[in-house]
Protein backbone atom coordinates (compact mmCIF):
# COMPACT_ATOMS: atom_id res chain seq x y z
CA UNK A 1 -13.75 -149.34 20.53
CA UNK A 2 -16.21 -152.51 19.88
CA UNK A 3 -17.60 -152.93 15.71
CA UNK A 4 -21.02 -153.52 17.94
CA UNK A 5 -23.45 -152.07 20.55
CA UNK A 6 -23.91 -148.60 20.53
CA UNK A 7 -20.88 -147.82 19.09
CA UNK A 8 -21.77 -150.17 15.12
CA UNK A 9 -24.75 -148.61 15.31
CA UNK A 10 -24.11 -144.86 16.39
CA UNK A 11 -21.05 -145.22 13.82
CA UNK A 12 -22.94 -142.96 10.86
CA UNK A 13 -23.52 -139.92 12.91
CA UNK A 14 -19.98 -139.50 12.32
CA UNK A 15 -19.51 -139.51 8.62
CA UNK A 16 -18.97 -136.11 6.91
CA UNK A 17 -21.89 -135.50 4.78
CA UNK A 18 -21.81 -134.31 1.18
CA UNK A 19 -24.10 -133.02 -1.10
CA UNK A 20 -24.76 -135.89 -2.05
CA UNK A 21 -26.36 -136.31 1.52
CA UNK A 22 -29.19 -134.78 2.89
CA UNK A 23 -29.81 -134.93 6.96
CA UNK A 24 -33.38 -136.48 7.78
CA UNK A 25 -34.06 -136.04 11.93
CA UNK A 26 -30.92 -136.68 12.52
CA UNK A 27 -29.82 -139.30 10.02
CA UNK A 28 -27.49 -138.57 5.98
CA UNK A 29 -29.52 -139.88 3.65
CA UNK A 30 -28.58 -140.45 0.62
CA UNK A 31 -30.88 -138.48 -2.79
CA UNK A 32 -32.27 -140.96 -5.52
CA UNK A 33 -30.78 -140.95 -8.81
CA UNK A 34 -30.26 -136.75 -10.57
CA UNK A 35 -31.62 -137.18 -13.22
CA UNK A 36 -30.15 -134.32 -14.97
CA UNK A 37 -27.85 -136.75 -15.70
CA UNK A 38 -29.16 -138.80 -18.00
CA UNK A 39 -31.28 -139.14 -21.91
CA UNK A 40 -30.13 -135.23 -23.22
CA UNK A 41 -29.91 -133.34 -20.10
CA UNK A 42 -26.13 -132.99 -19.85
CA UNK A 43 -25.47 -131.36 -22.99
CA UNK A 44 -28.15 -129.23 -22.43
CA UNK A 45 -27.08 -127.97 -19.06
CA UNK A 46 -23.07 -127.72 -20.27
CA UNK A 47 -24.62 -125.64 -23.16
CA UNK A 48 -26.71 -122.89 -20.57
CA UNK A 49 -23.24 -122.94 -18.38
CA UNK A 50 -21.37 -121.97 -21.29
CA UNK A 51 -24.11 -119.80 -22.46
CA UNK A 52 -23.76 -117.86 -18.83
CA UNK A 53 -19.46 -118.46 -18.93
CA UNK A 54 -19.97 -116.35 -22.85
CA UNK A 55 -22.90 -113.93 -20.70
CA UNK A 56 -19.88 -113.66 -17.93
CA UNK A 57 -17.15 -112.34 -20.09
CA UNK A 58 -18.59 -109.79 -22.15
CA UNK A 59 -20.48 -107.80 -19.35
CA UNK A 60 -17.62 -105.70 -18.44
CA UNK A 61 -18.77 -103.30 -16.46
CA UNK A 62 -16.86 -104.30 -12.91
CA UNK A 63 -13.17 -105.28 -13.46
CA UNK A 64 -13.59 -109.40 -11.81
CA UNK A 65 -12.50 -112.26 -12.22
CA UNK A 66 -15.64 -114.57 -14.10
CA UNK A 67 -16.33 -116.88 -10.24
CA UNK A 68 -16.36 -113.51 -8.99
CA UNK A 69 -18.66 -111.82 -10.89
CA UNK A 70 -20.89 -114.99 -10.53
CA UNK A 71 -21.03 -114.41 -7.38
CA UNK A 72 -22.01 -111.54 -7.98
CA UNK A 73 -24.98 -111.54 -10.53
CA UNK A 74 -25.85 -114.66 -7.32
CA UNK A 75 -26.57 -112.11 -4.84
CA UNK A 76 -26.69 -108.66 -6.93
CA UNK A 77 -30.22 -109.56 -8.91
CA UNK A 78 -28.86 -105.73 -10.82
CA UNK A 79 -25.72 -107.07 -11.96
CA UNK A 80 -27.81 -110.88 -12.72
CA UNK A 81 -29.59 -108.17 -14.70
CA UNK A 82 -27.19 -106.37 -16.40
CA UNK A 83 -25.60 -109.96 -17.28
CA UNK A 84 -28.36 -111.05 -18.86
CA UNK A 85 -29.05 -107.68 -20.99
CA UNK A 86 -32.66 -107.44 -19.41
């Protein structure tokens, strides 16, 4: 296959999308830099994740692992409220 002409032009369409890519009208566009990686944001988000994991560990109404509890909290609002003690 040649690197010019239609093959070269359409080569981008075969790119595997990642979480950092979005699709706009059939074209993959790289998102702008995430602001959660600047300033104090990384530490703040790490603290929130740590609190969330601790809350999931303290919840004993179902005998599941942390990953399964996290997924269940995302699917079931009443379970999420139970985890958050609300």
